[in-house]
Every structure is written in C-alpha cells, then in structure tokens.
Amino acid sequence: MAGTETIVLPRADQPTAHRPTLERLKREAAASGRPLEEVVKRYATRVAATSSPRPTDFEGYDPAVTEPDVTIDGIPYAELVDLGAVAKAEGISYEEAIDRFGSQSSDSRVIDELNAEFPDEISGVAYVDDGLRVGFKGPVPTRAIESARTLPMEVTLVGGKGFSTSELRRAQDTIVSWLRSRPEVATMMAHPDDETGQVKVTVQPRVMPDDTEAFKRGLQLPQPDNPHITVEVTISAEPIADHLR
C-alpha cells in the first residue's frame, strides 16, 4: 500500500501481563496433576459461592449450567471458558491460550480510548496472530504509540492508509441505500474491508442478466468521496439475505 508507514512494537518490549492468581492456579494444577482448566473452574465456582447472592435468590438458576460470574486477574471467567475452546481450535494448551489471548478484555479499554480520541483517523483494528494491528488514515499519532506501549502483546501500527473506518462505513451506507432504491435489485449484501478500504457488495438481480458487467454499469453506483475507498460488486444468481455484515 503506497504511502504507508508501519511501526511494530515487539512483544518482547511490551509489558508483561500481571496474573498472580492464575500463576498460583497453574502451580496448583501442576502439583495436583489436574488440568488447569478444571482447577480454574473450581476456583471460580468457589469464589462465586462466597461472594454472590445465594443461587436460590434467582428463579430458574441452575448452577450446573450457569457459569460463575467472577473475574480472575482482570479476565472474566466466561472469557476463560471461551479460551478453552480457543485452545482446542488452535491445537495449543490452555495455558498458552491464556498467555496469548487472555488480555483481550483489558485491551478493549485501550482500543476504546483510541477510537474515542481519533474517531476520524482510526482505520481498522484487528487481532492478528499473537498481536494487535491498528490502522490510521494519516500518520500514526504519537499518543497512539504511547497507548499501544501499555498493551502486553505485539502491536503493529499502520499509518497513511488514506481512509478511516468511519469514512468506509459512510461509503457503505451510501451504496446500500442506493442499491435498495434500484428496482432491478432483488436482494443484496455489503460489508467493508478495513484492511483494503474496499466496500464489497453482492447483488442478486430480479432477472439474471446475460451481461453482468453491463448490469453493474447500469446500477450507476455513487462513487465514494474518498478516492482511497473502492467498491467491488459481485453478481449472484442465488438469493442473498439482505443485511449488512
């Protein structure tokens, strides 16, 4: 992507997550020979039982199917349960899943702060591999680098993308509104790609044309105000759920 700058903050230089309770539970699991996932669940259940209102206070409460509403080292227990599924899907240990992905709740605070401080500059925020990737329309702001340095993971900051997420969403809204007004369109679906600056649209015509390229031209789609944002239209003969993704 021409004109972009990339700043990588390696994980080795980032702060280490402080998780004393989980570290103690890891030692307990190792000493007892029980899986860490089981030890964490027992701990969460025990904490919930001593700190929450009595289960009988809630109609329909079933402790066998209700996850303990507790937080361990800043990570909600429900998220720790999800990390068990992540571990299986990724083919890694539960311990590694916690180490790699357990900071996402606290990370969201920093991400929210960046979105609030740079609403017209943020251009895509996504978890990639073991880290976080944050894009910006223009140069990477110094404040964004300072905030990113507080995260316990590798962070890649990409500047000069030429468009913001808010601009991309507005372009999508304009295109969707236009297509919904076209009588030749039966159903459609659209979603923005923060990485490429492209609005991807799939259209099902009421009558499938012989010449799909001519049909696309006939739609007379409004062009985005920002030339860095492009539109890709795909014609489908199959019905499409008319919604935004």
Protein backbone atom coordinates (compact mmCIF):
# COMPACT_ATOMS: atom_id res chain seq x y z
CA MET A 1 0.00 0.00 0.00
CA ALA A 2 1.69 3.17 -1.23
CA GLY A 3 2.45 5.89 1.27
CA THR A 4 2.00 3.76 4.37
CA GLU A 5 4.24 3.62 7.42
CA THR A 6 4.48 0.64 9.76
CA ILE A 7 5.58 0.75 13.38
CA VAL A 8 5.99 -2.58 15.16
CA LEU A 9 6.15 -2.79 18.94
CA PRO A 10 7.61 -6.29 19.56
CA ARG A 11 6.05 -8.38 22.30
CA ALA A 12 9.44 -8.72 23.99
CA ASP A 13 9.50 -4.95 24.56
CA GLN A 14 5.89 -4.73 25.76
CA PRO A 15 4.78 -5.03 29.42
CA THR A 16 4.09 -8.49 30.83
CA ALA A 17 0.57 -9.26 31.97
CA HIS A 18 0.37 -9.47 35.79
CA ARG A 19 -1.74 -12.53 36.71
CA PRO A 20 -0.81 -13.68 40.22
CA THR A 21 -3.98 -15.73 40.80
CA LEU A 22 -3.70 -17.61 37.52
CA GLU A 23 0.01 -18.22 38.19
CA ARG A 24 -0.93 -19.72 41.58
CA LEU A 25 -3.62 -21.87 39.95
CA LYS A 26 -1.06 -23.06 37.38
CA ARG A 27 1.22 -24.19 40.21
CA GLU A 28 -1.72 -25.87 41.94
CA ALA A 29 -2.65 -27.71 38.74
CA ALA A 30 0.93 -28.88 38.24
CA ALA A 31 1.21 -30.09 41.83
CA SER A 32 -2.14 -31.91 41.80
CA GLY A 33 -1.88 -33.35 38.30
CA ARG A 34 -5.29 -31.91 37.40
CA PRO A 35 -5.87 -29.93 34.19
CA LEU A 36 -5.55 -26.17 34.65
CA GLU A 37 -9.00 -25.68 33.10
CA GLU A 38 -10.52 -27.82 35.85
CA VAL A 39 -8.59 -26.01 38.61
CA VAL A 40 -9.67 -22.62 37.26
CA LYS A 41 -13.30 -23.73 37.14
CA ARG A 42 -13.19 -24.99 40.74
CA TYR A 43 -11.66 -21.72 41.89
CA ALA A 44 -14.24 -19.61 40.03
CA THR A 45 -17.10 -21.69 41.43
CA ARG A 46 -15.71 -21.35 44.95
CA VAL A 47 -15.32 -17.56 44.65
CA ALA A 48 -18.81 -17.19 43.18
CA ALA A 49 -20.31 -19.20 46.03
CA THR A 50 -18.75 -16.98 48.68
CA SER A 51 -19.28 -13.58 47.04
CA SER A 52 -22.59 -13.79 45.16
CA PRO A 53 -26.18 -13.84 46.44
CA ARG A 54 -27.49 -17.31 47.20
CA PRO A 55 -28.41 -19.16 43.97
CA THR A 56 -31.92 -19.73 45.32
CA ASP A 57 -32.43 -15.96 45.13
CA PHE A 58 -32.65 -16.30 41.35
CA GLU A 59 -35.62 -18.03 39.79
CA GLY A 60 -34.52 -20.65 37.31
CA TYR A 61 -30.87 -20.55 38.44
CA ASP A 62 -29.14 -23.86 37.75
CA PRO A 63 -25.52 -23.99 38.98
CA ALA A 64 -24.87 -26.93 36.69
CA VAL A 65 -25.37 -24.79 33.59
CA THR A 66 -24.66 -21.24 34.83
CA GLU A 67 -21.08 -20.03 34.62
CA PRO A 68 -19.69 -18.35 37.79
CA ASP A 69 -19.89 -14.57 37.44
CA VAL A 70 -16.36 -13.81 38.63
CA THR A 71 -13.22 -12.19 37.26
CA ILE A 72 -9.75 -13.67 37.70
CA ASP A 73 -6.79 -11.32 37.27
CA GLY A 74 -8.99 -8.99 35.24
CA ILE A 75 -10.28 -11.74 32.94
CA PRO A 76 -14.00 -12.62 33.20
CA TYR A 77 -14.45 -16.34 33.88
CA ALA A 78 -16.76 -16.60 30.84
CA GLU A 79 -13.80 -15.45 28.73
CA LEU A 80 -11.56 -18.06 30.36
CA VAL A 81 -14.13 -20.69 29.35
CA ASP A 82 -14.00 -19.38 25.78
CA LEU A 83 -10.20 -19.64 25.86
CA GLY A 84 -10.62 -23.37 26.48
CA ALA A 85 -12.43 -23.61 23.15
CA VAL A 86 -9.76 -21.43 21.52
CA ALA A 87 -7.05 -23.77 22.81
CA LYS A 88 -8.77 -26.79 21.24
CA ALA A 89 -9.37 -24.96 17.96
CA GLU A 90 -5.77 -23.72 17.75
CA GLY A 91 -4.26 -27.02 18.91
CA ILE A 92 -2.47 -25.36 21.82
CA SER A 93 -2.54 -25.82 25.58
CA TYR A 94 -4.99 -23.98 27.81
CA GLU A 95 -2.04 -22.26 29.47
CA GLU A 96 -0.78 -20.97 26.12
CA ALA A 97 -4.25 -19.76 25.14
CA ILE A 98 -4.42 -17.69 28.32
CA ASP A 99 -0.92 -16.30 27.78
CA ARG A 100 -1.61 -15.37 24.14
CA PHE A 101 -5.23 -14.25 24.21
CA GLY A 102 -6.12 -13.58 27.84
CA SER A 103 -5.61 -9.82 27.68
CA GLN A 104 -8.38 -9.02 25.23
CA SER A 105 -10.78 -7.67 27.88
CA SER A 106 -8.24 -5.19 29.20
CA ASP A 107 -7.06 -4.45 25.66
CA SER A 108 -10.56 -3.31 24.75
CA ARG A 109 -10.16 -0.35 27.13
CA VAL A 110 -7.14 0.91 25.18
CA ILE A 111 -8.90 0.25 21.87
CA ASP A 112 -11.97 2.19 23.07
CA GLU A 113 -9.71 5.07 24.10
CA LEU A 114 -8.05 5.15 20.67
CA ASN A 115 -11.42 5.09 18.90
CA ALA A 116 -12.66 7.93 21.12
CA GLU A 117 -9.54 10.06 20.71
CA PHE A 118 -9.05 9.51 16.97
CA PRO A 119 -12.55 8.85 15.56
CA ASP A 120 -11.70 10.31 12.14
CA GLU A 121 -8.27 8.68 11.91
CA ILE A 122 -8.68 5.06 13.03
CA SER A 123 -8.63 2.76 10.01
CA GLY A 124 -9.27 -0.77 11.23
CA VAL A 125 -8.45 -2.54 14.49
CA ALA A 126 -7.93 -6.29 14.41
CA TYR A 127 -6.25 -9.12 16.29
CA VAL A 128 -3.72 -10.85 14.04
CA ASP A 129 -1.68 -13.88 15.03
CA ASP A 130 -0.47 -13.11 18.57
CA GLY A 131 -0.94 -9.35 18.46
CA LEU A 132 -2.99 -6.32 17.55
CA ARG A 133 -2.99 -4.33 14.31
CA VAL A 134 -4.25 -0.74 14.30
CA GLY A 135 -4.52 1.35 11.15
CA PHE A 136 -4.70 5.14 10.68
CA LYS A 137 -5.80 7.30 7.79
CA GLY A 138 -2.81 9.61 8.19
CA PRO A 139 0.45 9.39 10.15
CA VAL A 140 0.43 7.31 13.34
CA PRO A 141 -0.27 9.74 16.22
CA THR A 142 2.32 9.86 19.00
CA ARG A 143 -0.46 9.40 21.57
CA ALA A 144 -1.49 6.17 19.86
CA ILE A 145 2.05 4.82 20.14
CA GLU A 146 2.12 5.70 23.85
CA SER A 147 -1.20 3.90 24.44
CA ALA A 148 -0.08 0.87 22.43
CA ARG A 149 3.05 0.56 24.58
CA THR A 150 0.82 -0.31 27.57
CA LEU A 151 -0.51 -3.49 25.92
CA PRO A 152 1.02 -6.89 26.82
CA MET A 153 1.33 -8.05 23.22
CA GLU A 154 2.92 -7.21 19.91
CA VAL A 155 1.24 -4.19 18.34
CA THR A 156 1.56 -3.14 14.70
CA LEU A 157 0.57 0.45 13.90
CA VAL A 158 -0.01 1.24 10.23
CA GLY A 159 -0.26 4.87 9.15
CA GLY A 160 -1.03 6.57 5.86
CA LYS A 161 -3.79 4.19 4.71
CA GLY A 162 -5.68 7.11 3.22
CA PHE A 163 -9.11 6.34 4.65
CA SER A 164 -10.76 5.98 8.04
CA THR A 165 -13.17 3.32 9.26
CA SER A 166 -15.88 5.97 9.66
CA GLU A 167 -15.44 7.06 6.02
CA LEU A 168 -15.60 3.45 4.89
CA ARG A 169 -18.86 2.90 6.81
CA ARG A 170 -20.38 6.07 5.35
CA ALA A 171 -19.44 4.94 1.84
CA GLN A 172 -21.06 1.58 2.51
CA ASP A 173 -24.24 3.21 3.85
CA THR A 174 -24.50 5.40 0.73
CA ILE A 175 -24.05 2.44 -1.62
CA VAL A 176 -26.51 0.25 0.28
CA SER A 177 -29.13 2.99 0.30
CA TRP A 178 -28.69 3.47 -3.43
CA LEU A 179 -28.94 -0.23 -4.25
CA ARG A 180 -32.07 -0.66 -2.14
CA SER A 181 -33.72 2.01 -4.27
CA ARG A 182 -32.93 0.22 -7.55
CA PRO A 183 -35.89 -1.77 -8.91
CA GLU A 184 -33.62 -4.25 -10.72
CA VAL A 185 -32.04 -5.38 -7.44
CA ALA A 186 -33.82 -8.23 -5.61
CA THR A 187 -31.53 -8.69 -2.60
CA MET A 188 -28.06 -7.53 -1.66
CA MET A 189 -25.36 -7.78 0.98
CA ALA A 190 -22.46 -5.45 1.72
CA HIS A 191 -19.53 -5.33 4.10
CA PRO A 192 -16.49 -3.05 4.41
CA ASP A 193 -12.90 -4.28 4.41
CA ASP A 194 -10.88 -2.14 6.83
CA GLU A 195 -7.63 -3.59 5.56
CA THR A 196 -8.04 -2.70 1.88
CA GLY A 197 -10.51 0.20 2.01
CA GLN A 198 -12.94 -1.69 -0.17
CA VAL A 199 -16.72 -1.96 0.14
CA LYS A 200 -17.62 -5.45 -1.06
CA VAL A 201 -21.15 -5.80 -2.39
CA THR A 202 -23.02 -8.88 -3.59
CA VAL A 203 -26.17 -8.25 -5.61
CA GLN A 204 -28.91 -10.64 -6.73
CA PRO A 205 -30.77 -9.16 -9.73
CA ARG A 206 -34.51 -9.66 -10.09
CA VAL A 207 -33.74 -11.04 -13.53
CA MET A 208 -30.31 -12.55 -14.09
CA PRO A 209 -28.66 -10.58 -16.91
CA ASP A 210 -26.78 -12.12 -19.82
CA ASP A 211 -24.09 -9.46 -19.45
CA THR A 212 -23.20 -8.98 -15.77
CA GLU A 213 -20.67 -6.23 -16.48
CA ALA A 214 -23.30 -4.19 -18.31
CA PHE A 215 -25.67 -4.79 -15.38
CA LYS A 216 -23.06 -3.45 -12.95
CA ARG A 217 -22.54 -0.33 -15.05
CA GLY A 218 -26.30 0.15 -15.23
CA LEU A 219 -26.52 0.28 -11.43
CA GLN A 220 -24.75 3.67 -11.65
CA LEU A 221 -23.30 3.27 -8.17
CA PRO A 222 -22.33 6.52 -6.44
CA GLN A 223 -18.57 6.80 -6.12
CA PRO A 224 -17.10 7.34 -2.63
CA ASP A 225 -15.91 10.87 -1.89
CA ASN A 226 -12.55 9.46 -0.80
CA PRO A 227 -10.62 8.07 -3.81
CA HIS A 228 -8.79 5.65 -1.49
CA ILE A 229 -12.09 3.80 -0.99
CA THR A 230 -13.18 1.47 -3.77
CA VAL A 231 -16.26 -0.65 -4.44
CA GLU A 232 -16.28 -4.26 -5.62
CA VAL A 233 -19.60 -5.65 -6.91
CA THR A 234 -20.32 -9.34 -7.38
CA ILE A 235 -23.47 -10.54 -9.15
CA SER A 236 -25.13 -13.64 -7.73
CA ALA A 237 -27.97 -15.75 -9.10
CA GLU A 238 -28.66 -17.07 -5.59
CA PRO A 239 -30.91 -15.29 -3.06
CA ILE A 240 -28.99 -13.21 -0.52
CA ALA A 241 -30.03 -12.29 3.00
CA ASP A 242 -30.45 -8.54 2.70
CA HIS A 243 -28.29 -7.25 5.51
CA LEU A 244 -25.03 -5.56 6.39
CA ARG A 245 -22.15 -7.55 7.76
